[in-house]
Amino acid sequence: MNPGVAEILARKYWLALAVVAVLILGDAALIQPSMTRLATDAPLINTAGRQRMLGQRLAKAALAFERGDDQARGYLAEMSQVLDLWSTSHEQLLREAKGAGAEARDGMNQLEPSFKKIQTAARRVVQAGAAGRPDPTALKEGLAGILDNEAEYLERMDHVVELHERDARGRVESLRRLSWAVAGATLITLAAIGLFILRPAVTLIRRQVAELGQARDDLEDRVRERTWELEQAKDRHRALVEQFSHVGRTSAIGEMASGLAHELRQPLGAIANYTEGCLVELSSPEPAVTEIRGVLERILATTGRASRIIERIRNFVTRQELRHEPFEPNRLVEEVEEILGAEARQREVAVRLDLAPDLPILHGDPVQVQQVLVNLVHNAFEAIAAAKPLEPAVLIETIRTRSGGARFRVTDNGEGIDPERIERVFDAYFSTRAGGMGMGLAISRTIIEAHQGEISVTSSPEVATTFQFTLPAGDGDDDAPHGLHRG
């Protein structure tokens, strides 16, 4: 968003608020007082009209009392009551007329002499009539004063009423014009707000929405591009892991070469001896065919044994593409024992298996998982060789996890790992042994994490060291425990 545009819109917004505030204050200062004044005009006009009516009643009561019939006393009482109301109403009218226009006030001033004359005459009549023996002269003069001034009073009272009505109509007209002016100013203000504030703001918002949409599209393109790059990096990483794994397996077989040679020398020597015996027997005049057949069967079995050893080594060493297939955890451990059996016997290390009977079928690359086990067991052999315990032993365990997966444990009683260095054992190029490359455990961690598993180590130096890793259960219909039992 352009800061200059935002600043201009902000100023226009505050200006519009100021105009609206002025209109509100103008309404409160101009229109509302006029409305209040109009609310008092009607009572004022009503009071003036009532005053005219009371004046007429006063004159009628005076005439009725002058006739002197049987109801004269009642007319005198009515006259006295009307006089009080008429006087009170006149005082109220005077007070309310102070806020009226100049003409209305002048009309009240002109009305005042007639009112005083009628009021004085009416009081003389009331006072004379209230005496035990009324004075006829006082009554007559009082009645004459009322009747003589009544016409003038009523005329002037009508003029006062007319002036008040004219004054009220004038205020209504002024209020109407003022209201139209305020309404026009309000409409102009609203139009200005829409034209100079809302329309630029909407235009700006639309432009920003379009920019945000473009930014979102650009971001999605960058995310797709980055995702593609990550996929490529993942493929390269997978290839590197496979290469390192192959190197690790080849290195492990190289370190086990002497043991493997001894393991193969036995069946090959047995085959040579059996063959030589068969040749000697066949050269006799009457060879023992039955014995020769038995020897040949032993030769066949021994050859199969040697073939299996070679096949396991070939499968372990041969570089292959990454696979994802079901495999049995315990069968994998037993094959590792067979691969490392010769080296264990050569090193005089007891390898024991403790395999759980209820393990699920796992999914992944069995050769790579097997490589992790071979690496852990081979490291255990090295640790035992450095510590030289009285009873060197390695325990390989499988355990079913609470989540339904499998946990593999390799425990040895070798030299152990220093607590200050145990946190780094899985780092690349870090080794606890002199001359070590420091890649075996790093590759193992990469393999286990690629299988959505976890690997860890605990160690008590000179007592025991345990490496363990867990793998989640496989998918599909293969998640069923196999029939292997504890070894």
Protein backbone atom coordinates (compact mmCIF):
# COMPACT_ATOMS: atom_id res chain seq x y z
CA MET A 1 0.00 0.00 0.00
CA ASN A 2 1.29 3.47 -0.97
CA PRO A 3 1.92 5.42 2.29
CA GLY A 4 1.03 8.72 0.54
CA VAL A 5 -2.37 7.41 -0.57
CA ALA A 6 -3.06 6.02 2.90
CA GLU A 7 -2.15 9.38 4.48
CA ILE A 8 -4.47 11.27 2.11
CA LEU A 9 -7.35 8.87 2.82
CA ALA A 10 -6.72 9.22 6.55
CA ARG A 11 -6.90 13.02 6.32
CA LYS A 12 -10.10 12.88 4.28
CA TYR A 13 -11.56 10.47 6.79
CA TRP A 14 -10.83 12.78 9.73
CA LEU A 15 -12.18 15.75 7.76
CA ALA A 16 -15.43 13.84 7.12
CA LEU A 17 -15.69 13.05 10.81
CA ALA A 18 -15.22 16.73 11.63
CA VAL A 19 -17.98 17.75 9.20
CA VAL A 20 -20.34 15.14 10.66
CA ALA A 21 -19.52 16.39 14.15
CA VAL A 22 -20.30 19.99 13.05
CA LEU A 23 -23.65 18.87 11.62
CA ILE A 24 -24.50 17.07 14.85
CA LEU A 25 -23.53 20.11 16.92
CA GLY A 26 -25.46 22.37 14.54
CA ASP A 27 -28.54 20.24 15.00
CA ALA A 28 -28.15 20.43 18.77
CA ALA A 29 -27.52 24.21 18.73
CA LEU A 30 -30.05 25.35 16.11
CA ILE A 31 -32.78 22.83 15.46
CA GLN A 32 -33.29 21.33 18.90
CA PRO A 33 -33.91 24.70 20.68
CA SER A 34 -36.38 25.64 17.95
CA MET A 35 -38.12 22.32 18.37
CA THR A 36 -38.29 22.94 22.11
CA ARG A 37 -39.69 26.43 21.50
CA LEU A 38 -42.35 25.01 19.18
CA ALA A 39 -43.31 22.61 21.93
CA THR A 40 -44.12 25.65 24.15
CA ASP A 41 -46.00 27.62 21.46
CA ALA A 42 -49.06 25.43 21.58
CA PRO A 43 -49.56 25.79 25.38
CA LEU A 44 -49.01 29.54 25.03
CA ILE A 45 -51.68 29.84 22.34
CA ASN A 46 -53.99 27.63 24.38
CA THR A 47 -53.46 29.83 27.42
CA ALA A 48 -54.26 32.95 25.39
CA GLY A 49 -57.41 31.32 24.04
CA ARG A 50 -58.48 30.27 27.53
CA GLN A 51 -57.86 33.76 28.80
CA ARG A 52 -60.27 35.12 26.18
CA MET A 53 -62.88 32.52 27.21
CA LEU A 54 -62.47 33.33 30.90
CA GLY A 55 -63.00 37.03 30.13
CA GLN A 56 -66.30 36.20 28.43
CA ARG A 57 -67.40 34.03 31.37
CA LEU A 58 -66.58 36.82 33.77
CA ALA A 59 -68.81 39.24 31.81
CA LYS A 60 -71.67 36.71 31.62
CA ALA A 61 -71.50 36.04 35.36
CA ALA A 62 -71.58 39.78 36.04
CA LEU A 63 -74.69 40.27 33.86
CA ALA A 64 -76.43 37.31 35.51
CA PHE A 65 -75.68 38.69 38.97
CA GLU A 66 -77.05 42.12 37.90
CA ARG A 67 -80.49 40.59 37.14
CA GLY A 68 -80.78 39.72 40.81
CA ASP A 69 -82.79 36.45 40.52
CA ASP A 70 -82.71 33.55 42.94
CA GLN A 71 -79.36 32.29 41.61
CA ALA A 72 -77.59 35.67 42.11
CA ARG A 73 -75.44 34.29 44.93
CA GLY A 74 -74.32 31.38 42.69
CA TYR A 75 -73.37 33.76 39.90
CA LEU A 76 -71.42 35.88 42.39
CA ALA A 77 -69.46 32.80 43.54
CA GLU A 78 -68.84 31.80 39.91
CA MET A 79 -67.69 35.35 39.18
CA SER A 80 -65.25 35.26 42.08
CA GLN A 81 -63.86 31.86 40.94
CA VAL A 82 -63.53 32.95 37.31
CA LEU A 83 -61.80 36.18 38.40
CA ASP A 84 -59.13 34.21 40.27
CA LEU A 85 -58.57 31.85 37.32
CA TRP A 86 -58.55 34.78 34.90
CA SER A 87 -55.97 36.70 36.93
CA THR A 88 -53.73 33.64 37.37
CA SER A 89 -53.96 32.80 33.69
CA HIS A 90 -53.06 36.37 32.75
CA GLU A 91 -49.90 36.25 34.91
CA GLN A 92 -48.90 32.97 33.29
CA LEU A 93 -49.49 34.46 29.86
CA LEU A 94 -47.27 37.43 30.74
CA ARG A 95 -44.45 35.13 31.82
CA GLU A 96 -44.68 32.99 28.69
CA ALA A 97 -44.95 36.04 26.42
CA LYS A 98 -41.48 37.20 27.50
CA GLY A 99 -39.95 34.61 25.17
CA ALA A 100 -42.25 35.50 22.27
CA GLY A 101 -41.57 37.89 19.44
CA ALA A 102 -41.53 41.70 19.76
CA GLU A 103 -45.02 42.10 18.26
CA ALA A 104 -46.51 39.58 20.64
CA ARG A 105 -44.93 41.37 23.61
CA ASP A 106 -46.26 44.73 22.34
CA GLY A 107 -49.72 43.19 22.00
CA MET A 108 -49.60 42.05 25.63
CA ASN A 109 -48.55 45.57 26.70
CA GLN A 110 -51.50 47.04 24.81
CA LEU A 111 -53.81 44.46 26.40
CA GLU A 112 -52.69 45.27 29.93
CA PRO A 113 -54.82 48.51 30.49
CA SER A 114 -58.07 46.79 29.47
CA PHE A 115 -57.22 43.81 31.69
CA LYS A 116 -56.55 46.06 34.70
CA LYS A 117 -59.82 47.96 34.24
CA ILE A 118 -61.90 44.77 33.99
CA GLN A 119 -60.02 43.19 36.90
CA THR A 120 -60.57 46.27 39.13
CA ALA A 121 -64.27 46.49 38.22
CA ALA A 122 -64.82 42.76 38.78
CA ARG A 123 -63.21 42.96 42.24
CA ARG A 124 -65.50 45.85 43.21
CA VAL A 125 -68.52 43.77 42.17
CA VAL A 126 -67.34 40.73 44.10
CA GLN A 127 -66.55 42.83 47.20
CA ALA A 128 -69.87 44.68 47.03
CA GLY A 129 -71.87 41.50 46.48
CA ALA A 130 -70.09 39.75 49.37
CA ALA A 131 -71.29 42.45 51.86
CA GLY A 132 -74.43 41.81 53.84
CA ARG A 133 -76.13 44.82 52.27
CA PRO A 134 -74.60 45.39 48.82
CA ASP A 135 -74.01 48.97 47.70
CA PRO A 136 -76.12 49.38 44.52
CA THR A 137 -73.92 52.19 43.26
CA ALA A 138 -70.71 50.13 43.64
CA LEU A 139 -72.37 47.17 41.92
CA LYS A 140 -73.59 49.29 39.09
CA GLU A 141 -70.23 51.02 38.55
CA GLY A 142 -68.42 47.70 38.70
CA LEU A 143 -70.71 46.08 36.18
CA ALA A 144 -70.41 49.10 33.91
CA GLY A 145 -66.61 48.91 34.10
CA ILE A 146 -66.69 45.23 33.08
CA LEU A 147 -69.09 45.68 30.21
CA ASP A 148 -67.55 48.89 28.92
CA ASN A 149 -64.04 47.34 28.60
CA GLU A 150 -65.06 43.83 27.55
CA ALA A 151 -65.19 44.55 23.81
CA GLU A 152 -61.80 46.26 23.79
CA TYR A 153 -60.27 43.47 25.87
CA LEU A 154 -61.61 40.72 23.62
CA GLU A 155 -60.43 42.56 20.52
CA ARG A 156 -56.94 43.02 21.91
CA MET A 157 -56.92 39.42 23.21
CA ASP A 158 -57.76 38.14 19.70
CA HIS A 159 -54.91 40.24 18.37
CA VAL A 160 -52.51 38.72 20.94
CA VAL A 161 -53.61 35.22 19.96
CA GLU A 162 -53.08 36.04 16.31
CA LEU A 163 -49.63 37.43 17.04
CA HIS A 164 -48.62 34.30 18.92
CA GLU A 165 -49.88 32.10 16.09
CA ARG A 166 -48.04 34.23 13.52
CA ASP A 167 -44.88 34.03 15.62
CA ALA A 168 -45.23 30.23 15.87
CA ARG A 169 -45.77 29.87 12.11
CA GLY A 170 -42.68 31.99 11.48
CA ARG A 171 -40.59 29.73 13.71
CA VAL A 172 -42.00 26.66 11.98
CA GLU A 173 -41.02 28.10 8.62
CA SER A 174 -37.53 29.00 9.86
CA LEU A 175 -37.16 25.56 11.34
CA ARG A 176 -38.27 23.98 8.08
CA ARG A 177 -35.69 25.95 6.10
CA LEU A 178 -32.99 25.20 8.65
CA SER A 179 -33.87 21.50 8.61
CA TRP A 180 -33.66 21.44 4.82
CA ALA A 181 -30.30 23.20 5.01
CA VAL A 182 -28.95 20.69 7.53
CA ALA A 183 -30.39 17.80 5.50
CA GLY A 184 -28.79 19.19 2.33
CA ALA A 185 -25.46 19.62 4.10
CA THR A 186 -25.73 16.04 5.39
CA LEU A 187 -26.48 14.69 1.92
CA ILE A 188 -23.59 16.68 0.45
CA THR A 189 -21.31 15.36 3.18
CA LEU A 190 -22.40 11.77 2.55
CA ALA A 191 -21.89 12.23 -1.19
CA ALA A 192 -18.44 13.69 -0.54
CA ILE A 193 -17.57 10.79 1.75
CA GLY A 194 -18.66 8.32 -0.91
CA LEU A 195 -16.90 10.19 -3.72
CA PHE A 196 -13.65 11.21 -2.05
CA ILE A 197 -13.20 8.55 0.66
CA LEU A 198 -15.18 5.37 0.01
CA ARG A 199 -14.58 5.17 -3.73
CA PRO A 200 -10.78 5.66 -3.47
CA ALA A 201 -10.72 3.24 -0.52
CA VAL A 202 -12.68 0.61 -2.47
CA THR A 203 -10.41 1.12 -5.47
CA LEU A 204 -7.37 0.76 -3.22
CA ILE A 205 -8.79 -2.35 -1.55
CA ARG A 206 -9.57 -3.92 -4.92
CA ARG A 207 -6.06 -3.18 -6.11
CA GLN A 208 -4.58 -4.65 -2.95
CA VAL A 209 -6.82 -7.73 -3.25
CA ALA A 210 -5.57 -8.16 -6.82
CA GLU A 211 -1.98 -7.72 -5.63
CA LEU A 212 -2.55 -10.22 -2.84
CA GLY A 213 -4.04 -12.66 -5.34
CA GLN A 214 -1.00 -12.20 -7.59
CA ALA A 215 1.31 -12.61 -4.59
CA ARG A 216 -0.57 -15.77 -3.63
CA ASP A 217 -0.21 -17.14 -7.17
CA ASP A 218 3.49 -16.27 -7.14
CA LEU A 219 3.88 -17.90 -3.75
CA GLU A 220 2.08 -21.04 -4.95
CA ASP A 221 4.40 -21.14 -7.98
CA ARG A 222 7.41 -20.79 -5.71
CA VAL A 223 6.04 -23.47 -3.38
CA ARG A 224 5.54 -25.82 -6.33
CA GLU A 225 9.02 -25.04 -7.58
CA ARG A 226 10.50 -25.53 -4.11
CA THR A 227 8.53 -28.75 -3.67
CA TRP A 228 9.94 -30.03 -6.95
CA GLU A 229 13.44 -29.07 -5.83
CA LEU A 230 12.89 -30.85 -2.50
CA GLU A 231 11.66 -33.94 -4.35
CA GLN A 232 14.80 -33.86 -6.46
CA ALA A 233 16.92 -33.36 -3.36
CA LYS A 234 15.06 -36.21 -1.68
CA ASP A 235 15.82 -38.47 -4.62
CA ARG A 236 19.48 -37.45 -4.54
CA HIS A 237 19.54 -37.96 -0.77
CA ARG A 238 17.99 -41.39 -1.19
CA ALA A 239 20.60 -42.28 -3.79
CA LEU A 240 23.41 -41.07 -1.53
CA VAL A 241 22.00 -43.06 1.39
CA GLU A 242 21.89 -46.16 -0.80
CA GLN A 243 25.50 -45.56 -1.92
CA PHE A 244 26.68 -45.05 1.65
CA SER A 245 24.74 -48.13 2.69
CA HIS A 246 26.41 -50.16 0.00
CA VAL A 247 29.80 -48.89 1.07
CA GLY A 248 28.98 -49.71 4.68
CA ARG A 249 27.88 -53.23 3.82
CA THR A 250 30.97 -53.80 1.70
CA SER A 251 33.17 -52.45 4.50
CA ALA A 252 31.45 -54.71 7.03
CA ILE A 253 31.98 -57.77 4.84
CA GLY A 254 35.62 -56.74 4.40
CA GLU A 255 36.07 -56.63 8.17
CA MET A 256 34.42 -60.07 8.44
CA ALA A 257 36.51 -61.55 5.63
CA SER A 258 38.70 -63.74 7.79
CA GLY A 259 35.72 -65.16 9.65
CA LEU A 260 33.84 -65.78 6.42
CA ALA A 261 36.87 -67.48 4.93
CA HIS A 262 37.02 -69.81 7.92
CA GLU A 263 33.24 -70.35 7.67
CA LEU A 264 33.58 -71.37 4.00
CA ARG A 265 36.79 -73.36 4.51
CA GLN A 266 34.99 -75.95 6.64
CA PRO A 267 32.30 -76.99 4.07
CA LEU A 268 34.80 -76.79 1.20
CA GLY A 269 37.30 -78.98 3.09
CA ALA A 270 34.54 -81.42 3.95
CA ILE A 271 33.51 -81.59 0.27
CA ALA A 272 37.14 -82.27 -0.75
CA ASN A 273 37.52 -85.05 1.84
CA TYR A 274 34.18 -86.62 0.93
CA THR A 275 35.07 -86.52 -2.77
CA GLU A 276 38.49 -88.04 -2.20
CA GLY A 277 36.92 -90.87 -0.16
CA CYS A 278 34.39 -91.56 -2.93
CA LEU A 279 37.17 -91.73 -5.53
CA VAL A 280 39.16 -94.19 -3.38
CA GLU A 281 36.11 -96.35 -2.86
CA LEU A 282 35.20 -96.30 -6.54
CA SER A 283 38.72 -97.51 -7.47
CA SER A 284 38.25 -100.72 -5.43
CA PRO A 285 37.11 -103.90 -7.22
CA GLU A 286 33.79 -103.92 -5.46
CA PRO A 287 32.90 -100.36 -4.37
CA ALA A 288 30.36 -99.94 -1.57
CA VAL A 289 27.65 -98.17 -3.52
CA THR A 290 25.45 -97.64 -0.49
CA GLU A 291 28.21 -95.92 1.43
CA ILE A 292 29.16 -93.85 -1.60
CA ARG A 293 25.53 -92.72 -1.97
CA GLY A 294 25.46 -91.58 1.66
CA VAL A 295 28.72 -89.68 1.20
CA LEU A 296 27.39 -88.03 -1.93
CA GLU A 297 24.29 -86.92 -0.01
CA ARG A 298 26.53 -85.39 2.65
CA ILE A 299 28.51 -83.66 -0.11
CA LEU A 300 25.24 -82.26 -1.49
CA ALA A 301 24.15 -80.98 1.94
CA THR A 302 27.54 -79.42 2.58
CA THR A 303 27.50 -77.78 -0.82
CA GLY A 304 24.05 -76.34 -0.07
CA ARG A 305 25.33 -74.97 3.20
CA ALA A 306 28.24 -73.23 1.49
CA SER A 307 25.90 -71.96 -1.21
CA ARG A 308 23.57 -70.44 1.37
CA ILE A 309 26.47 -68.67 3.08
CA ILE A 310 27.63 -67.23 -0.22
CA GLU A 311 24.06 -66.24 -1.21
CA ARG A 312 23.50 -64.40 2.08
CA ILE A 313 26.77 -62.53 1.67
CA ARG A 314 25.94 -61.71 -1.95
CA ASN A 315 22.47 -60.43 -1.03
CA PHE A 316 23.91 -58.35 1.77
CA VAL A 317 26.70 -56.79 -0.28
CA THR A 318 25.06 -56.42 -3.71
CA ARG A 319 23.96 -52.86 -4.41
CA GLN A 320 20.20 -52.76 -5.07
CA GLU A 321 17.49 -50.19 -5.52
CA LEU A 322 15.57 -49.21 -2.40
CA ARG A 323 12.70 -51.58 -1.78
CA HIS A 324 9.51 -51.50 0.23
CA GLU A 325 8.33 -54.97 1.05
CA PRO A 326 7.04 -56.94 4.03
CA PHE A 327 9.54 -58.79 6.22
CA GLU A 328 9.56 -60.68 9.50
CA PRO A 329 11.61 -58.96 12.24
CA ASN A 330 12.74 -62.19 13.90
CA ARG A 331 13.77 -63.81 10.61
CA LEU A 332 15.86 -60.72 9.91
CA VAL A 333 17.63 -61.08 13.27
CA GLU A 334 18.32 -64.77 12.67
CA GLU A 335 19.90 -64.00 9.30
CA VAL A 336 22.12 -61.37 10.96
CA GLU A 337 23.23 -64.02 13.46
CA GLU A 338 24.15 -66.32 10.59
CA ILE A 339 26.08 -63.57 8.78
CA LEU A 340 28.06 -62.62 11.92
CA GLY A 341 28.26 -66.12 13.36
CA ALA A 342 31.75 -66.83 12.03
CA GLU A 343 33.14 -63.53 13.33
CA ALA A 344 31.48 -64.10 16.72
CA ARG A 345 33.09 -67.53 17.01
CA GLN A 346 36.44 -66.16 15.90
CA ARG A 347 36.23 -63.39 18.52
CA GLU A 348 34.88 -65.88 21.08
CA VAL A 349 31.82 -63.71 21.77
CA ALA A 350 28.56 -65.37 22.83
CA VAL A 351 25.63 -64.07 20.76
CA ARG A 352 22.23 -64.72 22.31
CA LEU A 353 18.82 -64.05 20.84
CA ASP A 354 15.67 -63.10 22.78
CA LEU A 355 12.92 -62.85 20.17
CA ALA A 356 9.31 -61.95 20.94
CA PRO A 357 6.76 -64.40 19.51
CA ASP A 358 4.01 -61.89 18.70
CA LEU A 359 5.71 -59.39 16.43
CA PRO A 360 3.86 -57.84 13.47
CA ILE A 361 4.99 -57.93 9.88
CA LEU A 362 7.03 -54.81 9.06
CA HIS A 363 7.32 -53.00 5.74
CA GLY A 364 10.48 -51.47 4.33
CA ASP A 365 13.85 -52.41 2.89
CA PRO A 366 14.94 -55.54 4.80
CA VAL A 367 18.53 -55.31 3.51
CA GLN A 368 18.97 -51.81 4.91
CA VAL A 369 17.36 -52.72 8.25
CA GLN A 370 19.62 -55.77 8.32
CA GLN A 371 22.58 -53.49 7.67
CA VAL A 372 21.67 -51.43 10.77
CA LEU A 373 21.65 -54.60 12.91
CA VAL A 374 24.94 -55.82 11.41
CA ASN A 375 26.52 -52.43 12.10
CA LEU A 376 25.27 -52.38 15.73
CA VAL A 377 26.41 -55.94 16.42
CA HIS A 378 29.79 -55.34 14.75
CA ASN A 379 30.23 -52.17 16.91
CA ALA A 380 29.40 -54.33 19.94
CA PHE A 381 32.18 -56.74 18.92
CA GLU A 382 34.64 -53.83 18.69
CA ALA A 383 33.59 -52.49 22.11
CA ILE A 384 34.03 -55.94 23.66
CA ALA A 385 37.45 -56.31 22.05
CA ALA A 386 38.53 -52.99 23.60
CA ALA A 387 37.22 -53.89 27.10
CA LYS A 388 38.11 -57.62 27.10
CA PRO A 389 35.48 -58.73 29.66
CA LEU A 390 35.71 -62.18 31.24
CA GLU A 391 32.49 -63.36 29.57
CA PRO A 392 32.02 -61.35 26.36
CA ALA A 393 28.42 -61.47 25.20
CA VAL A 394 26.00 -59.72 22.88
CA LEU A 395 22.23 -59.91 23.37
CA ILE A 396 19.90 -59.23 20.43
CA GLU A 397 16.24 -58.69 21.40
CA THR A 398 12.97 -58.00 19.64
CA ILE A 399 10.01 -56.53 21.56
CA ARG A 400 6.51 -55.55 20.49
CA THR A 401 5.83 -51.86 21.17
CA ARG A 402 2.62 -50.44 22.63
CA SER A 403 1.80 -48.86 19.27
CA GLY A 404 1.97 -52.26 17.58
CA GLY A 405 5.43 -51.89 16.01
CA ALA A 406 8.70 -53.68 16.79
CA ARG A 407 11.72 -52.65 18.85
CA PHE A 408 15.20 -54.08 18.19
CA ARG A 409 17.86 -54.04 20.95
CA VAL A 410 21.57 -54.85 20.79
CA THR A 411 23.27 -54.97 24.22
CA ASP A 412 26.95 -55.68 24.89
CA ASN A 413 29.19 -55.71 27.96
CA GLY A 414 32.04 -53.84 26.29
CA GLU A 415 33.83 -50.63 27.21
CA GLY A 416 30.73 -48.39 26.95
CA ILE A 417 30.44 -44.76 25.87
CA ASP A 418 31.55 -41.68 27.79
CA PRO A 419 28.44 -39.71 28.97
CA GLU A 420 29.97 -36.51 27.56
CA ARG A 421 30.19 -38.08 24.08
CA ILE A 422 27.02 -40.16 23.97
CA GLU A 423 24.95 -37.31 22.48
CA ARG A 424 27.22 -37.22 19.40
CA VAL A 425 27.49 -40.88 18.51
CA PHE A 426 24.97 -40.53 15.66
CA ASP A 427 26.69 -37.48 14.16
CA ALA A 428 28.45 -37.94 10.85
CA TYR A 429 32.27 -38.25 11.04
CA PHE A 430 32.20 -38.72 14.82
CA SER A 431 33.67 -41.95 16.16
CA THR A 432 34.51 -43.23 19.62
CA ARG A 433 37.30 -45.42 18.19
CA ALA A 434 40.62 -44.27 16.82
CA GLY A 435 40.68 -44.66 13.07
CA GLY A 436 36.90 -44.89 12.79
CA MET A 437 35.19 -43.06 9.91
CA GLY A 438 32.17 -42.09 12.01
CA MET A 439 29.66 -42.93 9.27
CA GLY A 440 28.18 -46.24 10.41
CA LEU A 441 25.84 -44.92 13.09
CA ALA A 442 24.99 -41.81 11.04
CA ILE A 443 23.91 -44.04 8.12
CA SER A 444 22.00 -46.25 10.55
CA ARG A 445 20.07 -43.27 11.89
CA THR A 446 19.27 -42.11 8.35
CA ILE A 447 17.97 -45.57 7.43
CA ILE A 448 15.79 -45.87 10.55
CA GLU A 449 14.34 -42.37 10.15
CA ALA A 450 13.60 -43.13 6.49
CA HIS A 451 11.51 -46.05 7.80
CA GLN A 452 9.63 -43.62 10.15
CA GLY A 453 11.44 -45.11 13.13
CA GLU A 454 13.66 -43.87 15.96
CA ILE A 455 17.10 -44.95 17.16
CA SER A 456 18.75 -44.25 20.53
CA VAL A 457 21.51 -45.44 22.87
CA THR A 458 22.04 -45.82 26.61
CA SER A 459 25.34 -46.74 28.20
CA SER A 460 26.92 -47.51 31.55
CA PRO A 461 30.70 -47.57 30.91
CA GLU A 462 32.38 -50.90 31.67
CA VAL A 463 28.92 -52.41 32.40
CA ALA A 464 26.60 -52.45 29.40
CA THR A 465 25.67 -50.46 26.31
CA THR A 466 22.32 -50.79 24.55
CA PHE A 467 21.47 -49.53 21.08
CA GLN A 468 17.82 -49.80 20.16
CA PHE A 469 15.57 -48.73 17.33
CA THR A 470 11.84 -48.99 16.71
CA LEU A 471 9.94 -49.47 13.46
CA PRO A 472 6.19 -48.95 12.99
CA ALA A 473 3.93 -51.84 12.05
CA GLY A 474 3.49 -52.58 8.34
CA ASP A 475 0.32 -51.85 6.37
CA GLY A 476 -1.86 -54.14 4.31
CA ASP A 477 -3.07 -57.57 5.41
CA ASP A 478 0.41 -58.72 6.37
CA ASP A 479 0.26 -57.37 9.91
CA ALA A 480 0.09 -60.75 11.59
CA PRO A 481 2.55 -62.32 14.09
CA HIS A 482 4.77 -65.01 12.70
CA GLY A 483 5.48 -68.36 14.26
CA LEU A 484 9.02 -67.77 15.45
CA HIS A 485 9.70 -68.39 19.15
CA ARG A 486 12.30 -67.12 21.52
CA GLY A 487 15.77 -68.37 20.76
